[in-house]
N, C-alpha and C. Protein backbone atom coordinates (compact mmCIF):
# COMPACT_ATOMS: atom_id res chain seq x y z
N MET A 1 0.20 9.35 10.84
CA MET A 1 0.61 8.40 9.82
C MET A 1 1.11 7.17 10.59
N PRO A 2 0.64 5.98 10.21
CA PRO A 2 1.14 4.77 10.82
C PRO A 2 2.56 4.54 10.47
N GLY A 3 3.27 3.97 11.37
CA GLY A 3 4.72 3.69 11.13
C GLY A 3 4.92 2.45 10.24
N ARG A 4 6.13 2.22 9.91
CA ARG A 4 6.54 1.10 9.02
C ARG A 4 6.01 -0.23 9.63
N ARG A 5 6.11 -0.38 10.92
CA ARG A 5 5.71 -1.66 11.56
C ARG A 5 4.24 -1.95 11.27
N VAL A 6 3.40 -0.96 11.33
CA VAL A 6 1.92 -1.14 11.11
C VAL A 6 1.69 -1.46 9.63
N HIS A 7 2.40 -0.81 8.76
CA HIS A 7 2.25 -1.11 7.33
C HIS A 7 2.63 -2.55 7.07
N LEU A 8 3.75 -2.97 7.66
CA LEU A 8 4.18 -4.37 7.48
C LEU A 8 3.18 -5.38 8.07
N LYS A 9 2.55 -4.96 9.14
CA LYS A 9 1.51 -5.83 9.73
C LYS A 9 0.33 -5.91 8.80
N PHE A 10 0.01 -4.81 8.14
CA PHE A 10 -1.11 -4.88 7.17
C PHE A 10 -0.75 -5.78 5.98
N ASP A 11 0.50 -5.71 5.53
CA ASP A 11 0.99 -6.59 4.49
C ASP A 11 0.81 -8.04 4.90
N GLU A 12 1.15 -8.32 6.16
CA GLU A 12 0.97 -9.69 6.72
C GLU A 12 -0.49 -10.12 6.66
N TYR A 13 -1.33 -9.21 7.00
CA TYR A 13 -2.78 -9.43 6.96
C TYR A 13 -3.23 -9.78 5.50
N LEU A 14 -2.66 -9.04 4.53
CA LEU A 14 -2.99 -9.30 3.14
C LEU A 14 -2.49 -10.72 2.74
N ARG A 15 -1.33 -11.10 3.26
CA ARG A 15 -0.79 -12.45 3.00
C ARG A 15 -1.73 -13.48 3.55
N GLU A 16 -2.14 -13.30 4.83
CA GLU A 16 -3.01 -14.27 5.51
C GLU A 16 -4.35 -14.43 4.77
N HIS A 17 -4.77 -13.41 4.08
CA HIS A 17 -6.06 -13.48 3.34
C HIS A 17 -5.80 -13.73 1.84
N HIS A 18 -4.58 -14.15 1.52
CA HIS A 18 -4.19 -14.56 0.15
C HIS A 18 -4.43 -13.48 -0.91
N LYS A 19 -4.16 -12.24 -0.54
CA LYS A 19 -4.26 -11.10 -1.49
C LYS A 19 -2.91 -10.78 -2.06
N ILE A 20 -1.81 -11.14 -1.36
CA ILE A 20 -0.50 -11.09 -1.93
C ILE A 20 0.24 -12.38 -1.57
N CYS A 21 1.31 -12.67 -2.32
CA CYS A 21 2.01 -13.96 -2.13
C CYS A 21 2.83 -13.96 -0.84
N GLU A 22 3.06 -15.11 -0.31
CA GLU A 22 3.77 -15.30 0.92
C GLU A 22 5.19 -14.78 0.83
N ASP A 23 5.89 -14.87 -0.31
CA ASP A 23 7.28 -14.55 -0.37
C ASP A 23 7.59 -13.15 -0.93
N THR A 24 6.56 -12.36 -1.13
CA THR A 24 6.74 -11.03 -1.70
C THR A 24 7.36 -10.09 -0.66
N ARG A 25 8.47 -9.51 -0.94
CA ARG A 25 9.10 -8.57 -0.02
C ARG A 25 8.46 -7.19 -0.29
N THR A 26 7.98 -6.52 0.72
CA THR A 26 7.22 -5.29 0.54
C THR A 26 7.97 -4.04 0.97
N ASP A 27 9.10 -4.18 1.57
CA ASP A 27 9.84 -2.98 2.10
C ASP A 27 10.05 -1.90 1.03
N THR A 28 10.44 -2.33 -0.17
CA THR A 28 10.73 -1.37 -1.21
C THR A 28 9.48 -0.52 -1.58
N VAL A 29 8.35 -1.13 -1.57
CA VAL A 29 7.10 -0.40 -1.87
C VAL A 29 6.87 0.66 -0.77
N HIS A 30 6.98 0.31 0.47
CA HIS A 30 6.79 1.27 1.50
C HIS A 30 7.88 2.40 1.54
N ASP A 31 9.12 1.99 1.16
CA ASP A 31 10.13 3.00 1.04
C ASP A 31 9.75 4.08 0.03
N ARG A 32 9.23 3.64 -1.11
CA ARG A 32 8.80 4.57 -2.12
C ARG A 32 7.62 5.43 -1.72
N MET A 33 6.65 4.78 -1.07
CA MET A 33 5.42 5.48 -0.69
C MET A 33 5.74 6.55 0.37
N ASP A 34 6.78 6.33 1.15
CA ASP A 34 7.09 7.29 2.24
C ASP A 34 8.26 8.18 1.87
N LYS A 35 8.81 8.05 0.68
CA LYS A 35 10.02 8.73 0.25
C LYS A 35 9.95 10.27 0.45
N ASP A 36 8.84 10.86 0.06
CA ASP A 36 8.75 12.33 0.07
C ASP A 36 8.16 12.90 1.36
N ILE A 37 8.05 12.12 2.38
CA ILE A 37 7.54 12.65 3.68
C ILE A 37 8.40 13.79 4.15
N LEU A 38 9.70 13.67 4.04
CA LEU A 38 10.58 14.76 4.52
C LEU A 38 10.45 16.00 3.68
N VAL A 39 10.13 15.86 2.35
CA VAL A 39 9.95 16.99 1.51
C VAL A 39 8.62 17.69 1.69
N HIS A 40 7.56 16.90 1.75
CA HIS A 40 6.23 17.49 1.81
C HIS A 40 5.57 17.50 3.21
N GLY A 41 6.14 16.74 4.15
CA GLY A 41 5.55 16.68 5.47
C GLY A 41 4.62 15.47 5.63
N HIS A 42 4.41 15.05 6.83
CA HIS A 42 3.59 13.85 7.14
C HIS A 42 2.15 13.97 6.52
N TRP A 43 1.54 15.11 6.70
CA TRP A 43 0.13 15.24 6.35
C TRP A 43 -0.12 15.48 4.87
N SER A 44 0.76 16.25 4.23
CA SER A 44 0.46 16.60 2.84
C SER A 44 1.16 15.74 1.81
N HIS A 45 2.11 14.92 2.18
CA HIS A 45 2.83 14.18 1.14
C HIS A 45 1.93 13.29 0.37
N ARG A 46 0.90 12.73 0.96
CA ARG A 46 0.02 11.80 0.23
C ARG A 46 -0.87 12.55 -0.76
N TYR A 47 -1.00 13.86 -0.60
CA TYR A 47 -1.83 14.66 -1.54
C TYR A 47 -1.01 15.22 -2.67
N VAL A 48 0.24 15.51 -2.44
CA VAL A 48 1.09 16.13 -3.46
C VAL A 48 2.06 15.20 -4.14
N ASP A 49 2.28 14.03 -3.57
CA ASP A 49 3.23 13.06 -4.12
C ASP A 49 2.54 12.30 -5.27
N TYR A 50 3.07 12.42 -6.42
CA TYR A 50 2.48 11.73 -7.62
C TYR A 50 2.30 10.23 -7.40
N TYR A 51 3.14 9.60 -6.64
CA TYR A 51 3.10 8.20 -6.43
C TYR A 51 2.09 7.74 -5.39
N HIS A 52 1.22 8.65 -4.96
CA HIS A 52 0.17 8.29 -4.06
C HIS A 52 -1.21 8.23 -4.74
N ASP A 53 -1.23 7.95 -6.01
CA ASP A 53 -2.48 7.61 -6.66
C ASP A 53 -2.22 6.48 -7.67
N ILE A 54 -3.26 5.97 -8.20
CA ILE A 54 -3.15 4.77 -9.05
C ILE A 54 -2.29 5.01 -10.29
N ASP A 55 -2.33 6.20 -10.92
CA ASP A 55 -1.53 6.41 -12.06
C ASP A 55 -0.03 6.46 -11.71
N GLY A 56 0.30 7.15 -10.61
CA GLY A 56 1.68 7.22 -10.17
C GLY A 56 2.20 5.81 -9.79
N ILE A 57 1.39 5.00 -9.11
CA ILE A 57 1.77 3.68 -8.71
C ILE A 57 2.09 2.89 -9.97
N ARG A 58 1.19 2.95 -10.97
CA ARG A 58 1.43 2.16 -12.21
C ARG A 58 2.69 2.60 -12.88
N ASP A 59 2.91 3.90 -12.98
CA ASP A 59 4.09 4.38 -13.67
C ASP A 59 5.37 3.91 -12.94
N TRP A 60 5.38 4.00 -11.61
CA TRP A 60 6.52 3.58 -10.85
C TRP A 60 6.79 2.07 -10.98
N ILE A 61 5.74 1.27 -10.90
CA ILE A 61 5.95 -0.16 -10.98
C ILE A 61 6.23 -0.61 -12.43
N LYS A 62 5.72 0.14 -13.40
CA LYS A 62 6.03 -0.17 -14.79
C LYS A 62 7.50 -0.01 -15.04
N SER A 63 8.18 0.87 -14.38
CA SER A 63 9.62 1.02 -14.56
C SER A 63 10.37 -0.21 -14.01
N TRP A 64 9.72 -1.06 -13.28
CA TRP A 64 10.34 -2.30 -12.74
C TRP A 64 10.00 -3.54 -13.52
N CYS A 65 9.33 -3.41 -14.72
CA CYS A 65 8.91 -4.54 -15.50
C CYS A 65 9.98 -5.60 -15.69
N TYR A 66 11.17 -5.16 -15.88
CA TYR A 66 12.26 -6.09 -16.20
C TYR A 66 12.71 -6.85 -14.94
N LEU A 67 12.35 -6.40 -13.77
CA LEU A 67 12.83 -7.01 -12.53
C LEU A 67 11.99 -8.11 -11.99
N GLY A 68 10.65 -8.15 -12.37
CA GLY A 68 9.82 -9.09 -11.66
C GLY A 68 8.86 -9.80 -12.57
N TYR A 69 8.21 -10.77 -11.93
CA TYR A 69 7.20 -11.51 -12.59
C TYR A 69 5.84 -10.80 -12.41
N GLN A 70 4.92 -11.16 -13.24
CA GLN A 70 3.56 -10.60 -13.14
C GLN A 70 2.98 -10.67 -11.78
N GLU A 71 3.16 -11.80 -11.03
CA GLU A 71 2.61 -11.92 -9.68
C GLU A 71 3.26 -10.97 -8.75
N THR A 72 4.55 -10.80 -8.83
CA THR A 72 5.25 -9.91 -7.92
C THR A 72 4.87 -8.44 -8.17
N LEU A 73 4.78 -8.08 -9.41
CA LEU A 73 4.39 -6.71 -9.79
C LEU A 73 2.91 -6.43 -9.40
N THR A 74 2.09 -7.44 -9.47
CA THR A 74 0.72 -7.32 -8.99
C THR A 74 0.71 -7.14 -7.48
N ASP A 75 1.50 -7.86 -6.76
CA ASP A 75 1.58 -7.72 -5.30
C ASP A 75 2.07 -6.32 -4.96
N TYR A 76 3.01 -5.73 -5.72
CA TYR A 76 3.47 -4.41 -5.45
C TYR A 76 2.34 -3.37 -5.62
N VAL A 77 1.52 -3.54 -6.68
CA VAL A 77 0.38 -2.63 -6.87
C VAL A 77 -0.52 -2.73 -5.66
N ARG A 78 -0.87 -3.98 -5.23
CA ARG A 78 -1.79 -4.15 -4.13
C ARG A 78 -1.16 -3.62 -2.81
N VAL A 79 0.10 -3.81 -2.58
CA VAL A 79 0.75 -3.29 -1.36
C VAL A 79 0.72 -1.77 -1.37
N ALA A 80 1.00 -1.13 -2.51
CA ALA A 80 0.93 0.32 -2.60
C ALA A 80 -0.48 0.85 -2.35
N LEU A 81 -1.44 0.18 -2.90
CA LEU A 81 -2.83 0.57 -2.66
C LEU A 81 -3.21 0.37 -1.21
N GLY A 82 -2.73 -0.72 -0.62
CA GLY A 82 -2.96 -0.98 0.78
C GLY A 82 -2.33 0.06 1.69
N HIS A 83 -1.17 0.51 1.30
CA HIS A 83 -0.46 1.59 2.01
C HIS A 83 -1.33 2.85 2.03
N ILE A 84 -1.90 3.18 0.95
CA ILE A 84 -2.76 4.44 0.81
C ILE A 84 -3.99 4.22 1.68
N VAL A 85 -4.61 3.06 1.60
CA VAL A 85 -5.85 2.83 2.36
C VAL A 85 -5.53 2.90 3.88
N LEU A 86 -4.45 2.27 4.27
CA LEU A 86 -4.11 2.25 5.72
C LEU A 86 -3.85 3.74 6.20
N ASP A 87 -3.16 4.49 5.39
CA ASP A 87 -2.97 5.90 5.77
C ASP A 87 -4.25 6.67 5.91
N GLU A 88 -5.17 6.44 4.98
CA GLU A 88 -6.49 7.13 5.03
C GLU A 88 -7.28 6.75 6.22
N ILE A 89 -7.34 5.45 6.56
CA ILE A 89 -8.12 5.03 7.72
C ILE A 89 -7.47 5.56 8.96
N TRP A 90 -6.14 5.51 9.03
CA TRP A 90 -5.42 6.00 10.22
C TRP A 90 -5.73 7.48 10.42
N SER A 91 -5.76 8.30 9.34
CA SER A 91 -5.97 9.74 9.48
C SER A 91 -7.34 10.07 10.03
N ARG A 92 -8.32 9.20 9.93
CA ARG A 92 -9.68 9.46 10.42
C ARG A 92 -9.76 9.30 11.96
N SER A 93 -8.85 8.62 12.51
CA SER A 93 -8.79 8.40 14.00
C SER A 93 -10.08 7.72 14.58
N GLU A 94 -10.76 6.92 13.76
CA GLU A 94 -11.97 6.28 14.19
C GLU A 94 -11.77 4.85 14.68
N TRP A 95 -10.50 4.47 14.78
CA TRP A 95 -10.22 3.03 15.15
C TRP A 95 -9.85 2.97 16.63
N GLU A 96 -10.14 1.86 17.21
CA GLU A 96 -9.93 1.67 18.62
C GLU A 96 -8.54 1.24 18.98
N ASP A 97 -7.96 0.34 18.21
CA ASP A 97 -6.59 -0.15 18.48
C ASP A 97 -5.99 -0.53 17.12
N GLU A 98 -4.76 -0.99 17.13
CA GLU A 98 -4.04 -1.35 15.90
C GLU A 98 -4.76 -2.42 15.09
N TYR A 99 -5.30 -3.43 15.78
CA TYR A 99 -6.00 -4.49 15.11
C TYR A 99 -7.21 -3.97 14.41
N ASP A 100 -7.95 -3.08 15.09
CA ASP A 100 -9.18 -2.49 14.54
C ASP A 100 -8.84 -1.65 13.28
N LEU A 101 -7.71 -0.91 13.38
CA LEU A 101 -7.22 -0.13 12.27
C LEU A 101 -6.95 -1.02 11.02
N ILE A 102 -6.28 -2.11 11.21
CA ILE A 102 -5.96 -3.08 10.16
C ILE A 102 -7.23 -3.69 9.60
N LYS A 103 -8.18 -4.04 10.41
CA LYS A 103 -9.44 -4.63 9.97
C LYS A 103 -10.25 -3.60 9.12
N ARG A 104 -10.29 -2.39 9.61
CA ARG A 104 -11.00 -1.34 8.83
C ARG A 104 -10.35 -1.02 7.52
N ALA A 105 -9.02 -1.02 7.53
CA ALA A 105 -8.36 -0.79 6.29
C ALA A 105 -8.55 -1.92 5.29
N TYR A 106 -8.57 -3.14 5.84
CA TYR A 106 -8.80 -4.28 4.98
C TYR A 106 -10.21 -4.27 4.38
N ARG A 107 -11.20 -3.87 5.17
CA ARG A 107 -12.57 -3.82 4.62
C ARG A 107 -12.65 -2.80 3.52
N SER A 108 -11.98 -1.61 3.71
CA SER A 108 -11.94 -0.59 2.71
C SER A 108 -11.20 -1.07 1.46
N PHE A 109 -10.13 -1.71 1.65
CA PHE A 109 -9.32 -2.26 0.56
C PHE A 109 -10.20 -3.20 -0.37
N ILE A 110 -10.96 -4.08 0.32
CA ILE A 110 -11.82 -5.01 -0.42
C ILE A 110 -12.99 -4.25 -1.07
N ALA A 111 -13.61 -3.32 -0.32
CA ALA A 111 -14.78 -2.59 -0.84
C ALA A 111 -14.40 -1.78 -2.07
N ARG A 112 -13.18 -1.28 -2.20
CA ARG A 112 -12.76 -0.52 -3.33
C ARG A 112 -12.29 -1.42 -4.47
N GLY A 113 -12.25 -2.71 -4.25
CA GLY A 113 -11.86 -3.63 -5.32
C GLY A 113 -10.36 -3.76 -5.52
N PHE A 114 -9.60 -3.24 -4.56
CA PHE A 114 -8.15 -3.28 -4.72
C PHE A 114 -7.59 -4.69 -4.74
N ASP A 115 -8.30 -5.62 -4.10
CA ASP A 115 -7.84 -6.99 -4.07
C ASP A 115 -7.93 -7.63 -5.42
N GLY A 116 -8.62 -7.03 -6.38
CA GLY A 116 -8.74 -7.56 -7.72
C GLY A 116 -7.89 -6.80 -8.73
N ARG A 117 -7.08 -5.82 -8.29
CA ARG A 117 -6.19 -5.11 -9.12
C ARG A 117 -4.98 -5.94 -9.56
N PHE A 118 -4.63 -5.85 -10.78
CA PHE A 118 -3.51 -6.58 -11.33
C PHE A 118 -2.57 -5.55 -12.01
N PHE A 119 -1.29 -5.95 -12.08
CA PHE A 119 -0.36 -5.15 -12.87
C PHE A 119 -0.57 -5.45 -14.35
N LYS A 120 -0.77 -4.33 -15.11
CA LYS A 120 -0.86 -4.47 -16.50
C LYS A 120 0.13 -3.55 -17.17
N GLU A 121 0.92 -4.08 -18.08
CA GLU A 121 1.93 -3.21 -18.68
C GLU A 121 1.31 -2.29 -19.74
């Protein structure tokens, strides 16, 4: 599982490609996505944690409606989806280095249409 630093680098890559806003803080999203690692373990938490699929992400972010603007909540959805994609690509071990990992994850993110996902209440 890639560490926090790699996830934050991927967020930066999303910013550079204008998929999330420059000023969106993403730490909270990654905190939530990794919250149950200690309970379920590194390998299985993404399969058993409800918040590691689109419905769980929507429910979690929906509980934040009163805290943010549409753009921020959309960014949170995209960051959570990016977190999942990066974890999946990392687990395949087909990447050469960290930059290759990020590029592969970004291509997968785009191919799945995650860059076009929006928060909808």
